[in-house]
Amino acid sequence: MNNQFKTSVYRKESFNAAHRLHNPNWDDKKNQMIFGKCNNANFHGHNYELEVRVTGFCDAETGYVIDVKILSDIIQHAVINKFDHKNLNIEVEEFKNLNPTAENIAFVIYNRLVNRLPNDLDLKIRLYETRKNYVEYPA
């Protein structure tokens, strides 16, 4: 018998990455005014904490929404191996033309994961840029 209630499974991961918040359509003064220290031309880094939530019905045979080991492997391959100890602006393709704000990073992570999961599962990303600041996608 399937669990008739949706259940959420969470996986936490972390990665360290550098970035620069910068809009190439603005002059240096406006970039500095809007982004402050985050506009440092030499970049700056964060110890990001990633929380991936997968929601669905438990499988009748396994009792899992998703095998957490499989989820961990997907996250490692699609996100951690691509972002950890990287300069996001320079080394991650999606940010060549997309400002790597926490909001945009969460969006990119979501898109890197969503198609690797079964269609009947819902995905939510929570990304902590600092201990006090985090974003969720989708909202």
C-alpha atoms as a PDB file:
ATOM      1  CA  MET A   1       0.000   0.000   0.000  1.00  0.00           C
ATOM      2  CA  ASN A   2       1.305   3.449  -0.904  1.00  0.00           C
ATOM      3  CA  ASN A   3       1.645   6.098   1.750  1.00  0.00           C
ATOM      4  CA  GLN A   4      -1.358   8.305   0.954  1.00  0.00           C
ATOM      5  CA  PHE A   5       0.352  11.363   2.377  1.00  0.00           C
ATOM      6  CA  LYS A   6       3.066  13.282   0.658  1.00  0.00           C
ATOM      7  CA  THR A   7       6.363  13.145   2.487  1.00  0.00           C
ATOM      8  CA  SER A   8       9.432  15.362   2.060  1.00  0.00           C
ATOM      9  CA  VAL A   9      12.983  14.070   2.075  1.00  0.00           C
ATOM     10  CA  TYR A  10      15.837  16.519   2.667  1.00  0.00           C
ATOM     11  CA  ARG A  11      19.489  16.320   1.748  1.00  0.00           C
ATOM     12  CA  LYS A  12      22.041  18.871   2.942  1.00  0.00           C
ATOM     13  CA  GLU A  13      25.269  19.532   1.097  1.00  0.00           C
ATOM     14  CA  SER A  14      27.810  22.327   1.092  1.00  0.00           C
ATOM     15  CA  PHE A  15      30.175  23.925  -1.356  1.00  0.00           C
ATOM     16  CA  ASN A  16      32.601  26.824  -1.383  1.00  0.00           C
ATOM     17  CA  ALA A  17      32.626  29.204  -4.306  1.00  0.00           C
ATOM     18  CA  ALA A  18      33.703  32.679  -5.337  1.00  0.00           C
ATOM     19  CA  HIS A  19      31.664  35.186  -7.296  1.00  0.00           C
ATOM     20  CA  ARG A  20      31.273  38.830  -8.168  1.00  0.00           C
ATOM     21  CA  LEU A  21      27.946  40.605  -8.377  1.00  0.00           C
ATOM     22  CA  HIS A  22      28.172  42.908 -11.357  1.00  0.00           C
ATOM     23  CA  ASN A  23      25.909  44.238 -14.078  1.00  0.00           C
ATOM     24  CA  PRO A  24      27.962  44.913 -17.237  1.00  0.00           C
ATOM     25  CA  ASN A  25      25.309  47.378 -18.428  1.00  0.00           C
ATOM     26  CA  TRP A  26      26.064  49.706 -15.511  1.00  0.00           C
ATOM     27  CA  ASP A  27      29.102  51.864 -14.846  1.00  0.00           C
ATOM     28  CA  ASP A  28      31.447  51.113 -11.940  1.00  0.00           C
ATOM     29  CA  LYS A  29      29.807  53.713  -9.704  1.00  0.00           C
ATOM     30  CA  LYS A  30      26.331  52.198 -10.041  1.00  0.00           C
ATOM     31  CA  ASN A  31      27.652  48.642  -9.589  1.00  0.00           C
ATOM     32  CA  GLN A  32      29.442  49.724  -6.428  1.00  0.00           C
ATOM     33  CA  MET A  33      26.375  51.553  -5.146  1.00  0.00           C
ATOM     34  CA  ILE A  34      24.044  48.557  -5.727  1.00  0.00           C
ATOM     35  CA  PHE A  35      26.331  45.613  -4.905  1.00  0.00           C
ATOM     36  CA  GLY A  36      28.864  47.189  -2.487  1.00  0.00           C
ATOM     37  CA  LYS A  37      31.572  44.768  -1.314  1.00  0.00           C
ATOM     38  CA  CYS A  38      29.998  42.029  -3.424  1.00  0.00           C
ATOM     39  CA  ASN A  39      31.157  43.924  -6.527  1.00  0.00           C
ATOM     40  CA  ASN A  40      34.850  43.427  -5.656  1.00  0.00           C
ATOM     41  CA  ALA A  41      36.691  43.132  -8.986  1.00  0.00           C
ATOM     42  CA  ASN A  42      38.849  40.403  -7.410  1.00  0.00           C
ATOM     43  CA  PHE A  43      35.754  38.414  -6.384  1.00  0.00           C
ATOM     44  CA  HIS A  44      34.766  37.162  -2.922  1.00  0.00           C
ATOM     45  CA  GLY A  45      33.621  33.799  -1.603  1.00  0.00           C
ATOM     46  CA  HIS A  46      31.012  32.034   0.467  1.00  0.00           C
ATOM     47  CA  ASN A  47      30.648  28.721   2.233  1.00  0.00           C
ATOM     48  CA  TYR A  48      27.261  27.855   0.777  1.00  0.00           C
ATOM     49  CA  GLU A  49      24.907  25.455   2.527  1.00  0.00           C
ATOM     50  CA  LEU A  50      22.497  23.713   0.192  1.00  0.00           C
ATOM     51  CA  GLU A  51      19.283  22.040   1.278  1.00  0.00           C
ATOM     52  CA  VAL A  52      17.425  19.993  -1.337  1.00  0.00           C
ATOM     53  CA  ARG A  53      13.850  19.001  -0.560  1.00  0.00           C
ATOM     54  CA  VAL A  54      12.141  16.274  -2.581  1.00  0.00           C
ATOM     55  CA  THR A  55       8.432  15.682  -1.949  1.00  0.00           C
ATOM     56  CA  GLY A  56       6.269  12.820  -3.123  1.00  0.00           C
ATOM     57  CA  PHE A  57       4.467   9.644  -2.127  1.00  0.00           C
ATOM     58  CA  CYS A  58       6.409   6.747  -0.644  1.00  0.00           C
ATOM     59  CA  ASP A  59       6.982   3.809  -2.967  1.00  0.00           C
ATOM     60  CA  ALA A  60       4.923   0.770  -1.916  1.00  0.00           C
ATOM     61  CA  GLU A  61       7.868  -1.630  -2.237  1.00  0.00           C
ATOM     62  CA  THR A  62      10.755   0.403  -0.816  1.00  0.00           C
ATOM     63  CA  GLY A  63       8.994   2.824   1.504  1.00  0.00           C
ATOM     64  CA  TYR A  64      11.164   5.596   0.018  1.00  0.00           C
ATOM     65  CA  VAL A  65      10.110   8.848  -1.604  1.00  0.00           C
ATOM     66  CA  ILE A  66      13.586   8.661  -3.131  1.00  0.00           C
ATOM     67  CA  ASP A  67      16.653   6.733  -2.043  1.00  0.00           C
ATOM     68  CA  VAL A  68      18.760   9.361  -0.253  1.00  0.00           C
ATOM     69  CA  LYS A  69      21.979   7.817  -1.593  1.00  0.00           C
ATOM     70  CA  ILE A  70      20.685   8.266  -5.144  1.00  0.00           C
ATOM     71  CA  LEU A  71      19.647  11.847  -4.347  1.00  0.00           C
ATOM     72  CA  SER A  72      23.080  12.534  -2.875  1.00  0.00           C
ATOM     73  CA  ASP A  73      24.791  11.151  -5.987  1.00  0.00           C
ATOM     74  CA  ILE A  74      22.630  13.337  -8.241  1.00  0.00           C
ATOM     75  CA  ILE A  75      23.454  16.450  -6.203  1.00  0.00           C
ATOM     76  CA  GLN A  76      27.171  15.622  -6.142  1.00  0.00           C
ATOM     77  CA  HIS A  77      27.328  15.101  -9.892  1.00  0.00           C
ATOM     78  CA  ALA A  78      25.076  17.975 -11.005  1.00  0.00           C
ATOM     79  CA  VAL A  79      25.972  20.646  -8.449  1.00  0.00           C
ATOM     80  CA  ILE A  80      28.816  20.040  -6.015  1.00  0.00           C
ATOM     81  CA  ASN A  81      31.320  18.780  -8.584  1.00  0.00           C
ATOM     82  CA  LYS A  82      30.478  21.755 -10.825  1.00  0.00           C
ATOM     83  CA  PHE A  83      30.374  24.545  -8.192  1.00  0.00           C
ATOM     84  CA  ASP A  84      32.707  23.587  -5.345  1.00  0.00           C
ATOM     85  CA  HIS A  85      35.923  25.633  -5.206  1.00  0.00           C
ATOM     86  CA  LYS A  86      35.021  27.389  -8.442  1.00  0.00           C
ATOM     87  CA  ASN A  87      34.726  30.991  -9.505  1.00  0.00           C
ATOM     88  CA  LEU A  88      31.066  30.964 -10.514  1.00  0.00           C
ATOM     89  CA  ASN A  89      31.378  33.931 -12.902  1.00  0.00           C
ATOM     90  CA  ILE A  90      34.228  32.359 -14.829  1.00  0.00           C
ATOM     91  CA  GLU A  91      33.989  28.576 -14.443  1.00  0.00           C
ATOM     92  CA  VAL A  92      30.245  27.822 -14.437  1.00  0.00           C
ATOM     93  CA  GLU A  93      28.617  28.149 -17.851  1.00  0.00           C
ATOM     94  CA  GLU A  94      25.223  29.357 -16.601  1.00  0.00           C
ATOM     95  CA  PHE A  95      26.807  32.419 -14.976  1.00  0.00           C
ATOM     96  CA  LYS A  96      28.719  33.650 -18.001  1.00  0.00           C
ATOM     97  CA  ASN A  97      25.726  35.930 -18.702  1.00  0.00           C
ATOM     98  CA  LEU A  98      23.758  35.622 -15.461  1.00  0.00           C
ATOM     99  CA  ASN A  99      24.647  37.535 -12.298  1.00  0.00           C
ATOM    100  CA  PRO A 100      25.453  34.855  -9.654  1.00  0.00           C
ATOM    101  CA  THR A 101      23.232  36.192  -6.888  1.00  0.00           C
ATOM    102  CA  ALA A 102      21.977  33.680  -4.333  1.00  0.00           C
ATOM    103  CA  GLU A 103      18.597  33.839  -6.087  1.00  0.00           C
ATOM    104  CA  ASN A 104      20.117  32.971  -9.461  1.00  0.00           C
ATOM    105  CA  ILE A 105      22.353  30.262  -7.992  1.00  0.00           C
ATOM    106  CA  ALA A 106      19.304  28.576  -6.428  1.00  0.00           C
ATOM    107  CA  PHE A 107      17.484  28.811  -9.780  1.00  0.00           C
ATOM    108  CA  VAL A 108      20.430  27.247 -11.625  1.00  0.00           C
ATOM    109  CA  ILE A 109      20.733  24.457  -9.039  1.00  0.00           C
ATOM    110  CA  TYR A 110      17.020  23.714  -9.369  1.00  0.00           C
ATOM    111  CA  ASN A 111      17.328  23.443 -13.143  1.00  0.00           C
ATOM    112  CA  ARG A 112      20.399  21.211 -12.849  1.00  0.00           C
ATOM    113  CA  LEU A 113      18.448  18.811 -10.599  1.00  0.00           C
ATOM    114  CA  VAL A 114      14.813  18.846 -11.688  1.00  0.00           C
ATOM    115  CA  ASN A 115      15.238  16.804 -14.885  1.00  0.00           C
ATOM    116  CA  ARG A 116      17.334  14.191 -13.096  1.00  0.00           C
ATOM    117  CA  LEU A 117      14.466  13.312 -10.747  1.00  0.00           C
ATOM    118  CA  PRO A 118      11.313  11.329 -11.481  1.00  0.00           C
ATOM    119  CA  ASN A 119       8.498  13.558 -12.785  1.00  0.00           C
ATOM    120  CA  ASP A 120       6.167  12.684  -9.897  1.00  0.00           C
ATOM    121  CA  LEU A 121       8.473  14.313  -7.324  1.00  0.00           C
ATOM    122  CA  ASP A 122       8.423  17.986  -6.351  1.00  0.00           C
ATOM    123  CA  LEU A 123      11.735  19.784  -5.818  1.00  0.00           C
ATOM    124  CA  LYS A 124      12.580  22.805  -3.690  1.00  0.00           C
ATOM    125  CA  ILE A 125      16.008  24.367  -3.207  1.00  0.00           C
ATOM    126  CA  ARG A 126      17.080  26.294  -0.116  1.00  0.00           C
ATOM    127  CA  LEU A 127      20.482  27.923  -0.429  1.00  0.00           C
ATOM    128  CA  TYR A 128      22.238  29.603   2.483  1.00  0.00           C
ATOM    129  CA  GLU A 129      24.762  32.177   1.343  1.00  0.00           C
ATOM    130  CA  THR A 130      25.524  33.063   4.948  1.00  0.00           C
ATOM    131  CA  ARG A 131      24.258  31.793   8.282  1.00  0.00           C
ATOM    132  CA  LYS A 132      21.633  34.559   8.259  1.00  0.00           C
ATOM    133  CA  ASN A 133      20.777  34.878   4.544  1.00  0.00           C
ATOM    134  CA  TYR A 134      19.117  32.251   2.419  1.00  0.00           C
ATOM    135  CA  VAL A 135      16.845  31.909  -0.597  1.00  0.00           C
ATOM    136  CA  GLU A 136      14.323  29.302  -1.692  1.00  0.00           C
ATOM    137  CA  TYR A 137      13.346  28.302  -5.209  1.00  0.00           C
ATOM    138  CA  PRO A 138      10.632  27.881  -6.181  1.00  0.00           C
ATOM    139  CA  ALA A 139       9.015  30.187  -3.642  1.00  0.00           C
END
